[in-house]
Amino acid sequence: MTNDMEMRLKGYGLTTAEILYRMPDHQSLLQKFIWQHYDLAPEFPEMKSFLTFWKEKIEGPLHSVRYVHWKLISPTEWRALKGDFILH
């Protein structure tokens, strides 16, 4: 498994999803679940895979999903610098 820095350098960014779902025994009640993972925008294969798993394996039907995505570091933000900077 790759570490966070490798994921970010490959173009992955942190995705956070707020998932509202109905309680299995009380359909009128909503529960919130927060999911966070590195994912590729705009396709979001990791989030789609998790939501497919949820629909197939978890009893609480989905009500809504809100998500945000932020690329923490992209490959173009890295550059080589020459020299030293000395602080007292």
Protein backbone atom coordinates (compact mmCIF):
# COMPACT_ATOMS: atom_id res chain seq x y z
CA MET A 1 0.00 0.00 0.00
CA THR A 2 1.30 3.44 -0.89
CA ASN A 3 1.68 6.24 1.60
CA ASP A 4 -0.18 9.57 1.58
CA MET A 5 2.60 11.52 -0.17
CA GLU A 6 2.78 9.02 -3.03
CA MET A 7 -0.99 9.19 -3.45
CA ARG A 8 -0.93 12.99 -3.58
CA LEU A 9 1.92 13.03 -6.10
CA LYS A 10 -0.12 10.71 -8.34
CA GLY A 11 -2.89 13.31 -8.46
CA TYR A 12 -5.11 12.07 -5.65
CA GLY A 13 -6.73 14.61 -3.38
CA LEU A 14 -8.53 14.31 -0.08
CA THR A 15 -12.26 13.71 -0.52
CA THR A 16 -14.69 14.09 2.35
CA ALA A 17 -18.28 12.89 1.97
CA GLU A 18 -21.18 13.57 4.31
CA ILE A 19 -23.58 10.66 3.87
CA LEU A 20 -27.12 10.88 5.19
CA TYR A 21 -28.94 7.57 5.42
CA ARG A 22 -32.22 6.32 6.82
CA MET A 23 -32.23 4.18 9.94
CA PRO A 24 -33.25 0.62 8.97
CA ASP A 25 -35.86 0.26 11.75
CA HIS A 26 -37.06 3.87 11.71
CA GLN A 27 -37.16 5.11 8.11
CA SER A 28 -38.22 8.63 9.16
CA LEU A 29 -34.93 9.18 11.07
CA LEU A 30 -31.73 10.21 9.32
CA GLN A 31 -28.22 9.38 10.52
CA LYS A 32 -25.00 11.05 9.36
CA PHE A 33 -21.80 9.23 8.38
CA ILE A 34 -18.56 11.02 7.42
CA TRP A 35 -16.28 9.25 4.95
CA GLN A 36 -12.80 10.52 4.08
CA HIS A 37 -10.31 9.05 1.62
CA TYR A 38 -7.87 10.04 -1.12
CA ASP A 39 -9.62 9.99 -4.49
CA LEU A 40 -9.28 11.19 -8.08
CA ALA A 41 -11.53 14.03 -9.21
CA PRO A 42 -13.79 14.28 -11.17
CA GLU A 43 -14.54 10.55 -11.52
CA PHE A 44 -14.19 9.70 -7.78
CA PRO A 45 -13.67 5.92 -8.22
CA GLU A 46 -12.98 5.32 -4.50
CA MET A 47 -16.13 7.11 -3.35
CA LYS A 48 -18.27 5.40 -6.00
CA SER A 49 -16.87 2.04 -4.92
CA PHE A 50 -17.68 2.78 -1.28
CA LEU A 51 -21.24 3.90 -2.13
CA THR A 52 -21.78 0.74 -4.21
CA PHE A 53 -20.60 -1.33 -1.24
CA TRP A 54 -23.00 0.62 1.01
CA LYS A 55 -25.99 -0.02 -1.26
CA GLU A 56 -25.20 -3.75 -1.52
CA LYS A 57 -24.13 -4.60 2.06
CA ILE A 58 -25.54 -2.03 4.50
CA GLU A 59 -29.21 -2.00 5.47
CA GLY A 60 -29.60 1.78 5.91
CA PRO A 61 -30.81 3.22 2.57
CA LEU A 62 -28.95 6.30 1.36
CA HIS A 63 -30.78 9.62 1.54
CA SER A 64 -28.13 12.00 0.19
CA VAL A 65 -24.39 12.44 -0.27
CA ARG A 66 -22.54 15.77 -0.16
CA TYR A 67 -18.82 15.83 -0.83
CA VAL A 68 -15.83 18.13 -1.14
CA HIS A 69 -12.49 17.44 -2.75
CA TRP A 70 -9.18 19.16 -2.23
CA LYS A 71 -5.91 18.37 -3.87
CA LEU A 72 -3.40 18.85 -1.11
CA ILE A 73 -0.29 18.64 -3.28
CA SER A 74 -0.03 18.29 -7.01
CA PRO A 75 3.12 17.30 -8.94
CA THR A 76 3.44 20.80 -10.42
CA GLU A 77 3.86 22.35 -6.96
CA TRP A 78 7.19 20.62 -6.41
CA ARG A 79 10.34 22.27 -7.71
CA ALA A 80 14.02 21.88 -7.01
CA LEU A 81 15.77 24.75 -5.27
CA LYS A 82 19.49 25.41 -5.08
CA GLY A 83 21.16 27.04 -2.13
CA ASP A 84 20.73 27.27 1.60
CA PHE A 85 18.68 29.53 3.78
CA ILE A 86 20.14 29.90 7.25
CA LEU A 87 18.08 31.09 10.19
CA HIS A 88 19.67 32.40 13.35
